[in-house]
Amino acid sequence: MRYTVSTEIALPRESVVQLLADPVHLPRWLRGLVLHEPIDGLHGEGGTRSRVVLRTGGQEMEAVENHHAPGTGGT
């Protein structure tokens, strides 16, 4: 599954990048986030695989997220 979402944020780009780079803030924009931990690599680096656990509506979902480096055409 692949999808794209866009949002306009009224902050300087540098401030947004710093917020996105800090995994402590992930629960602020991933509703229902229980766990987000790197399996291979480091958070935010290209090629990193992370285990993600979400809980919503009394159900729990676990997935592996593949973080592709910009320009690599990850699918």
PDB file of N, CA and C in Angstrom:
ATOM      1  N   MET A   1       0.849  -1.164   0.000  1.00  0.00           N
ATOM      2  CA  MET A   1       0.000   0.000   0.000  1.00  0.00           C
ATOM      3  C   MET A   1       0.897   1.230   0.000  1.00  0.00           C
ATOM      4  N   ARG A   2       0.510   2.220  -0.755  1.00  0.00           N
ATOM      5  CA  ARG A   2       1.269   3.457  -0.810  1.00  0.00           C
ATOM      6  C   ARG A   2       0.297   4.629  -0.849  1.00  0.00           C
ATOM      7  N   TYR A   3       0.584   5.659  -0.064  1.00  0.00           N
ATOM      8  CA  TYR A   3      -0.267   6.840  -0.075  1.00  0.00           C
ATOM      9  C   TYR A   3       0.581   8.063   0.225  1.00  0.00           C
ATOM     10  N   THR A   4       0.041   9.222  -0.118  1.00  0.00           N
ATOM     11  CA  THR A   4       0.734  10.482   0.107  1.00  0.00           C
ATOM     12  C   THR A   4      -0.211  11.445   0.815  1.00  0.00           C
ATOM     13  N   VAL A   5       0.325  12.159   1.792  1.00  0.00           N
ATOM     14  CA  VAL A   5      -0.433  13.166   2.525  1.00  0.00           C
ATOM     15  C   VAL A   5       0.394  14.439   2.542  1.00  0.00           C
ATOM     16  N   SER A   6      -0.249  15.579   2.383  1.00  0.00           N
ATOM     17  CA  SER A   6       0.491  16.839   2.485  1.00  0.00           C
ATOM     18  C   SER A   6      -0.239  17.783   3.438  1.00  0.00           C
ATOM     19  N   THR A   7       0.559  18.578   4.150  1.00  0.00           N
ATOM     20  CA  THR A   7       0.038  19.532   5.118  1.00  0.00           C
ATOM     21  C   THR A   7       0.908  20.777   5.093  1.00  0.00           C
ATOM     22  N   GLU A   8       0.289  21.939   5.144  1.00  0.00           N
ATOM     23  CA  GLU A   8       1.053  23.185   5.253  1.00  0.00           C
ATOM     24  C   GLU A   8       1.277  23.485   6.730  1.00  0.00           C
ATOM     25  N   ILE A   9       2.514  23.814   7.075  1.00  0.00           N
ATOM     26  CA  ILE A   9       2.888  24.074   8.463  1.00  0.00           C
ATOM     27  C   ILE A   9       3.454  25.484   8.552  1.00  0.00           C
ATOM     28  N   ALA A  10       2.921  26.267   9.476  1.00  0.00           N
ATOM     29  CA  ALA A  10       3.318  27.671   9.611  1.00  0.00           C
ATOM     30  C   ALA A  10       4.544  27.817  10.513  1.00  0.00           C
ATOM     31  N   LEU A  11       5.636  27.165  10.125  1.00  0.00           N
ATOM     32  CA  LEU A  11       6.907  27.259  10.840  1.00  0.00           C
ATOM     33  C   LEU A  11       8.029  27.289   9.812  1.00  0.00           C
ATOM     34  N   PRO A  12       9.177  27.814  10.189  1.00  0.00           N
ATOM     35  CA  PRO A  12      10.320  27.754   9.278  1.00  0.00           C
ATOM     36  C   PRO A  12      10.695  26.293   9.005  1.00  0.00           C
ATOM     37  N   ARG A  13      11.163  26.019   7.806  1.00  0.00           N
ATOM     38  CA  ARG A  13      11.524  24.660   7.404  1.00  0.00           C
ATOM     39  C   ARG A  13      12.488  24.002   8.392  1.00  0.00           C
ATOM     40  N   GLU A  14      13.474  24.755   8.879  1.00  0.00           N
ATOM     41  CA  GLU A  14      14.470  24.196   9.802  1.00  0.00           C
ATOM     42  C   GLU A  14      13.819  23.687  11.091  1.00  0.00           C
ATOM     43  N   SER A  15      12.822  24.426  11.579  1.00  0.00           N
ATOM     44  CA  SER A  15      12.116  24.010  12.798  1.00  0.00           C
ATOM     45  C   SER A  15      11.348  22.714  12.572  1.00  0.00           C
ATOM     46  N   VAL A  16      10.699  22.605  11.423  1.00  0.00           N
ATOM     47  CA  VAL A  16       9.936  21.400  11.100  1.00  0.00           C
ATOM     48  C   VAL A  16      10.873  20.197  10.968  1.00  0.00           C
ATOM     49  N   VAL A  17      11.999  20.388  10.294  1.00  0.00           N
ATOM     50  CA  VAL A  17      12.962  19.297  10.126  1.00  0.00           C
ATOM     51  C   VAL A  17      13.452  18.807  11.490  1.00  0.00           C
ATOM     52  N   GLN A  18      13.721  19.721  12.411  1.00  0.00           N
ATOM     53  CA  GLN A  18      14.177  19.323  13.745  1.00  0.00           C
ATOM     54  C   GLN A  18      13.099  18.529  14.484  1.00  0.00           C
ATOM     55  N   LEU A  19      11.843  18.947  14.366  1.00  0.00           N
ATOM     56  CA  LEU A  19      10.754  18.209  15.010  1.00  0.00           C
ATOM     57  C   LEU A  19      10.600  16.814  14.419  1.00  0.00           C
ATOM     58  N   LEU A  20      10.654  16.720  13.099  1.00  0.00           N
ATOM     59  CA  LEU A  20      10.493  15.429  12.438  1.00  0.00           C
ATOM     60  C   LEU A  20      11.665  14.493  12.716  1.00  0.00           C
ATOM     61  N   ALA A  21      12.838  15.049  12.918  1.00  0.00           N
ATOM     62  CA  ALA A  21      14.031  14.236  13.141  1.00  0.00           C
ATOM     63  C   ALA A  21      14.091  13.643  14.545  1.00  0.00           C
ATOM     64  N   ASP A  22      13.309  14.171  15.466  1.00  0.00           N
ATOM     65  CA  ASP A  22      13.347  13.710  16.853  1.00  0.00           C
ATOM     66  C   ASP A  22      12.231  12.691  17.088  1.00  0.00           C
ATOM     67  N   PRO A  23      12.573  11.399  17.265  1.00  0.00           N
ATOM     68  CA  PRO A  23      11.544  10.369  17.421  1.00  0.00           C
ATOM     69  C   PRO A  23      10.664  10.547  18.652  1.00  0.00           C
ATOM     70  N   VAL A  24      11.084  11.370  19.592  1.00  0.00           N
ATOM     71  CA  VAL A  24      10.262  11.624  20.783  1.00  0.00           C
ATOM     72  C   VAL A  24       8.919  12.260  20.390  1.00  0.00           C
ATOM     73  N   HIS A  25       8.879  12.940  19.240  1.00  0.00           N
ATOM     74  CA  HIS A  25       7.654  13.632  18.804  1.00  0.00           C
ATOM     75  C   HIS A  25       6.736  12.765  17.945  1.00  0.00           C
ATOM     76  N   LEU A  26       7.136  11.543  17.595  1.00  0.00           N
ATOM     77  CA  LEU A  26       6.320  10.694  16.720  1.00  0.00           C
ATOM     78  C   LEU A  26       4.868  10.530  17.199  1.00  0.00           C
ATOM     79  N   PRO A  27       4.606  10.324  18.494  1.00  0.00           N
ATOM     80  CA  PRO A  27       3.207  10.158  18.917  1.00  0.00           C
ATOM     81  C   PRO A  27       2.331  11.388  18.647  1.00  0.00           C
ATOM     82  N   ARG A  28       2.949  12.545  18.440  1.00  0.00           N
ATOM     83  CA  ARG A  28       2.166  13.758  18.164  1.00  0.00           C
ATOM     84  C   ARG A  28       1.492  13.696  16.799  1.00  0.00           C
ATOM     85  N   TRP A  29       2.081  12.974  15.835  1.00  0.00           N
ATOM     86  CA  TRP A  29       1.457  12.916  14.508  1.00  0.00           C
ATOM     87  C   TRP A  29       1.162  11.506  14.032  1.00  0.00           C
ATOM     88  N   LEU A  30       1.448  10.512  14.840  1.00  0.00           N
ATOM     89  CA  LEU A  30       1.041   9.141  14.529  1.00  0.00           C
ATOM     90  C   LEU A  30       0.041   8.700  15.600  1.00  0.00           C
ATOM     91  N   ARG A  31      -1.221   8.994  15.360  1.00  0.00           N
ATOM     92  CA  ARG A  31      -2.267   8.698  16.339  1.00  0.00           C
ATOM     93  C   ARG A  31      -2.304   7.205  16.627  1.00  0.00           C
ATOM     94  N   GLY A  32      -2.319   6.845  17.887  1.00  0.00           N
ATOM     95  CA  GLY A  32      -2.392   5.451  18.291  1.00  0.00           C
ATOM     96  C   GLY A  32      -1.037   4.757  18.370  1.00  0.00           C
ATOM     97  N   LEU A  33       0.044   5.512  18.185  1.00  0.00           N
ATOM     98  CA  LEU A  33       1.373   4.912  18.204  1.00  0.00           C
ATOM     99  C   LEU A  33       1.683   4.330  19.580  1.00  0.00           C
ATOM    100  N   VAL A  34       2.055   3.056  19.590  1.00  0.00           N
ATOM    101  CA  VAL A  34       2.455   2.377  20.816  1.00  0.00           C
ATOM    102  C   VAL A  34       3.977   2.242  20.841  1.00  0.00           C
ATOM    103  N   LEU A  35       4.562   1.920  19.667  1.00  0.00           N
ATOM    104  CA  LEU A  35       5.994   1.661  19.598  1.00  0.00           C
ATOM    105  C   LEU A  35       6.511   1.986  18.204  1.00  0.00           C
ATOM    106  N   HIS A  36       7.669   2.592  18.154  1.00  0.00           N
ATOM    107  CA  HIS A  36       8.378   2.841  16.878  1.00  0.00           C
ATOM    108  C   HIS A  36       9.857   2.670  17.190  1.00  0.00           C
ATOM    109  N   GLU A  37      10.421   1.522  16.754  1.00  0.00           N
ATOM    110  CA  GLU A  37      11.817   1.246  17.089  1.00  0.00           C
ATOM    111  C   GLU A  37      12.569   0.741  15.863  1.00  0.00           C
ATOM    112  N   PRO A  38      13.771   1.258  15.637  1.00  0.00           N
ATOM    113  CA  PRO A  38      14.580   0.772  14.520  1.00  0.00           C
ATOM    114  C   PRO A  38      14.951  -0.697  14.698  1.00  0.00           C
ATOM    115  N   ILE A  39      14.840  -1.454  13.606  1.00  0.00           N
ATOM    116  CA  ILE A  39      15.287  -2.849  13.575  1.00  0.00           C
ATOM    117  C   ILE A  39      16.715  -2.865  13.037  1.00  0.00           C
ATOM    118  N   ASP A  40      16.910  -2.171  11.931  1.00  0.00           N
ATOM    119  CA  ASP A  40      18.214  -2.028  11.271  1.00  0.00           C
ATOM    120  C   ASP A  40      18.438  -0.550  11.011  1.00  0.00           C
ATOM    121  N   GLY A  41      19.573  -0.009  11.363  1.00  0.00           N
ATOM    122  CA  GLY A  41      19.880   1.391  11.075  1.00  0.00           C
ATOM    123  C   GLY A  41      19.458   2.323  12.189  1.00  0.00           C
ATOM    124  N   LEU A  42      19.433   3.612  11.870  1.00  0.00           N
ATOM    125  CA  LEU A  42      19.093   4.661  12.830  1.00  0.00           C
ATOM    126  C   LEU A  42      17.875   5.425  12.352  1.00  0.00           C
ATOM    127  N   HIS A  43      17.068   5.911  13.290  1.00  0.00           N
ATOM    128  CA  HIS A  43      15.863   6.665  12.965  1.00  0.00           C
ATOM    129  C   HIS A  43      16.173   7.791  11.975  1.00  0.00           C
ATOM    130  N   GLY A  44      15.407   7.826  10.898  1.00  0.00           N
ATOM    131  CA  GLY A  44      15.525   8.906   9.921  1.00  0.00           C
ATOM    132  C   GLY A  44      16.557   8.690   8.830  1.00  0.00           C
ATOM    133  N   GLU A  45      17.382   7.658   8.944  1.00  0.00           N
ATOM    134  CA  GLU A  45      18.400   7.408   7.922  1.00  0.00           C
ATOM    135  C   GLU A  45      17.833   6.528   6.818  1.00  0.00           C
ATOM    136  N   GLY A  46      18.281   6.789   5.589  1.00  0.00           N
ATOM    137  CA  GLY A  46      17.888   5.956   4.463  1.00  0.00           C
ATOM    138  C   GLY A  46      18.313   4.525   4.685  1.00  0.00           C
ATOM    139  N   GLY A  47      17.438   3.583   4.334  1.00  0.00           N
ATOM    140  CA  GLY A  47      17.741   2.172   4.494  1.00  0.00           C
ATOM    141  C   GLY A  47      17.333   1.596   5.838  1.00  0.00           C
ATOM    142  N   THR A  48      16.888   2.444   6.761  1.00  0.00           N
ATOM    143  CA  THR A  48      16.484   1.971   8.083  1.00  0.00           C
ATOM    144  C   THR A  48      15.141   1.252   8.000  1.00  0.00           C
ATOM    145  N   ARG A  49      15.046   0.130   8.696  1.00  0.00           N
ATOM    146  CA  ARG A  49      13.778  -0.577   8.868  1.00  0.00           C
ATOM    147  C   ARG A  49      13.369  -0.422  10.322  1.00  0.00           C
ATOM    148  N   SER A  50      12.090  -0.093  10.550  1.00  0.00           N
ATOM    149  CA  SER A  50      11.603   0.106  11.917  1.00  0.00           C
ATOM    150  C   SER A  50      10.352  -0.720  12.170  1.00  0.00           C
ATOM    151  N   ARG A  51      10.239  -1.212  13.389  1.00  0.00           N
ATOM    152  CA  ARG A  51       9.029  -1.898  13.840  1.00  0.00           C
ATOM    153  C   ARG A  51       8.076  -0.824  14.368  1.00  0.00           C
ATOM    154  N   VAL A  52       6.842  -0.861  13.882  1.00  0.00           N
ATOM    155  CA  VAL A  52       5.835   0.122  14.270  1.00  0.00           C
ATOM    156  C   VAL A  52       4.611  -0.622  14.802  1.00  0.00           C
ATOM    157  N   VAL A  53       4.155  -0.237  15.986  1.00  0.00           N
ATOM    158  CA  VAL A  53       2.952  -0.823  16.574  1.00  0.00           C
ATOM    159  C   VAL A  53       1.964   0.309  16.817  1.00  0.00           C
ATOM    160  N   LEU A  54       0.744   0.146  16.285  1.00  0.00           N
ATOM    161  CA  LEU A  54      -0.328   1.130  16.451  1.00  0.00           C
ATOM    162  C   LEU A  54      -1.523   0.446  17.115  1.00  0.00           C
ATOM    163  N   ARG A  55      -2.242   1.184  17.954  1.00  0.00           N
ATOM    164  CA  ARG A  55      -3.457   0.665  18.584  1.00  0.00           C
ATOM    165  C   ARG A  55      -4.583   1.654  18.333  1.00  0.00           C
ATOM    166  N   THR A  56      -5.673   1.143  17.782  1.00  0.00           N
ATOM    167  CA  THR A  56      -6.839   1.989  17.533  1.00  0.00           C
ATOM    168  C   THR A  56      -8.099   1.140  17.571  1.00  0.00           C
ATOM    169  N   GLY A  57      -9.140   1.688  18.139  1.00  0.00           N
ATOM    170  CA  GLY A  57     -10.411   0.970  18.211  1.00  0.00           C
ATOM    171  C   GLY A  57     -10.321  -0.380  18.891  1.00  0.00           C
ATOM    172  N   GLY A  58      -9.427  -0.505  19.869  1.00  0.00           N
ATOM    173  CA  GLY A  58      -9.286  -1.759  20.586  1.00  0.00           C
ATOM    174  C   GLY A  58      -8.487  -2.819  19.839  1.00  0.00           C
ATOM    175  N   GLN A  59      -7.981  -2.471  18.659  1.00  0.00           N
ATOM    176  CA  GLN A  59      -7.171  -3.414  17.894  1.00  0.00           C
ATOM    177  C   GLN A  59      -5.748  -2.912  17.792  1.00  0.00           C
ATOM    178  N   GLU A  60      -4.820  -3.851  17.677  1.00  0.00           N
ATOM    179  CA  GLU A  60      -3.412  -3.499  17.556  1.00  0.00           C
ATOM    180  C   GLU A  60      -2.890  -3.988  16.214  1.00  0.00           C
ATOM    181  N   MET A  61      -2.087  -3.150  15.568  1.00  0.00           N
ATOM    182  CA  MET A  61      -1.507  -3.492  14.276  1.00  0.00           C
ATOM    183  C   MET A  61      -0.002  -3.316  14.377  1.00  0.00           C
ATOM    184  N   GLU A  62       0.737  -4.277  13.844  1.00  0.00           N
ATOM    185  CA  GLU A  62       2.190  -4.191  13.819  1.00  0.00           C
ATOM    186  C   GLU A  62       2.646  -4.229  12.365  1.00  0.00           C
ATOM    187  N   ALA A  63       3.629  -3.396  12.036  1.00  0.00           N
ATOM    188  CA  ALA A  63       4.150  -3.335  10.679  1.00  0.00           C
ATOM    189  C   ALA A  63       5.645  -3.049  10.711  1.00  0.00           C
ATOM    190  N   VAL A  64       6.288  -3.274   9.586  1.00  0.00           N
ATOM    191  CA  VAL A  64       7.684  -2.891   9.418  1.00  0.00           C
ATOM    192  C   VAL A  64       7.715  -1.750   8.408  1.00  0.00           C
ATOM    193  N   GLU A  65       8.311  -0.650   8.816  1.00  0.00           N
ATOM    194  CA  GLU A  65       8.426   0.548   7.984  1.00  0.00           C
ATOM    195  C   GLU A  65       9.822   0.562   7.365  1.00  0.00           C
ATOM    196  N   ASN A  66       9.886   0.757   6.053  1.00  0.00           N
ATOM    197  CA  ASN A  66      11.155   0.874   5.337  1.00  0.00           C
ATOM    198  C   ASN A  66      11.365   2.334   4.979  1.00  0.00           C
ATOM    199  N   HIS A  67      12.418   2.926   5.489  1.00  0.00           N
ATOM    200  CA  HIS A  67      12.704   4.337   5.226  1.00  0.00           C
ATOM    201  C   HIS A  67      13.689   4.408   4.055  1.00  0.00           C
ATOM    202  N   HIS A  68      13.216   4.927   2.942  1.00  0.00           N
ATOM    203  CA  HIS A  68      14.050   5.043   1.753  1.00  0.00           C
ATOM    204  C   HIS A  68      14.733   6.401   1.711  1.00  0.00           C
ATOM    205  N   ALA A  69      15.963   6.426   1.314  1.00  0.00           N
ATOM    206  CA  ALA A  69      16.694   7.682   1.168  1.00  0.00           C
ATOM    207  C   ALA A  69      16.070   8.491   0.041  1.00  0.00           C
ATOM    208  N   PRO A  70      16.024   9.823   0.167  1.00  0.00           N
ATOM    209  CA  PRO A  70      15.473  10.659  -0.892  1.00  0.00           C
ATOM    210  C   PRO A  70      16.150  10.368  -2.226  1.00  0.00           C
ATOM    211  N   GLY A  71      15.314  10.280  -3.257  1.00  0.00           N
ATOM    212  CA  GLY A  71      15.844  10.078  -4.603  1.00  0.00           C
ATOM    213  C   GLY A  71      16.136   8.641  -4.963  1.00  0.00           C
ATOM    214  N   THR A  72      15.811   7.693  -4.039  1.00  0.00           N
ATOM    215  CA  THR A  72      16.093   6.295  -4.359  1.00  0.00           C
ATOM    216  C   THR A  72      14.914   5.610  -5.004  1.00  0.00           C
ATOM    217  N   GLY A  73      13.774   6.300  -5.061  1.00  0.00           N
ATOM    218  CA  GLY A  73      12.602   5.709  -5.711  1.00  0.00           C
ATOM    219  C   GLY A  73      12.040   4.522  -4.962  1.00  0.00           C
ATOM    220  N   GLY A  74      12.122   4.536  -3.654  1.00  0.00           N
ATOM    221  CA  GLY A  74      11.627   3.415  -2.857  1.00  0.00           C
ATOM    222  C   GLY A  74      10.177   3.120  -3.119  1.00  0.00           C
ATOM    223  N   THR A  75       9.856   1.851  -3.244  1.00  0.00           N
ATOM    224  CA  THR A  75       8.466   1.417  -3.452  1.00  0.00           C
ATOM    225  C   THR A  75       8.074   0.372  -2.454  1.00  0.00           C
TER     226      THR A  75
END
